[in-house]
């Protein structure tokens, strides 16, 4: 079995190669934070653990690489925007494999939100693969704003090695959001 220390990041690419026209911009932001020595944000990127593949690769090749990456991942950051639920192939596949085969906790990260205290209120953004696993209690998920503080904390805290999440509607407390400067006291 692979050593599971990576963080897999899933997002809707929108069928475009323009890095500003899809949710890949949030993944690229995480990589930029990680590369910037003046920012306290580090993560082991599961996408760097296997050879790169192009979007034009055969589906079987892409599935194999995704499975390899998820098999060596400790958690999955799922970037959820208003277009994520439109993805009918890769994001649902990543969710299904991560939860059903790897038992990986999901860190559901929402760009454009400063606090998440009622995750169910964001259910309109969930792809059906995620919604189904929340409703049948097969996934363990924490819902967070896509911000450095919550992301760094969740990546370090929730993993296959130390998963203290129960169910699919976990979130940080008001006090935690306040400590990150995301809510007023």
Foldseek 3Di string as FASTA:
>chain_A
DAAAFAEEEDFDPPPDPPCVPGPVVLVVVLVVLQVDPVHPHHGHHLCVVDDDDDPPDDPVVVLVSLLSSLQNHFAYEYEWDQCRLVDDPDVLSSLCCNQVPVVHAYEYEYEPALFDDWVVVVCSRDHVSLVVCLVVFSHFYEYGYSDRQVVRVCSVADTNVHHPGGGHTHYDDPVSSVVVVSDPD
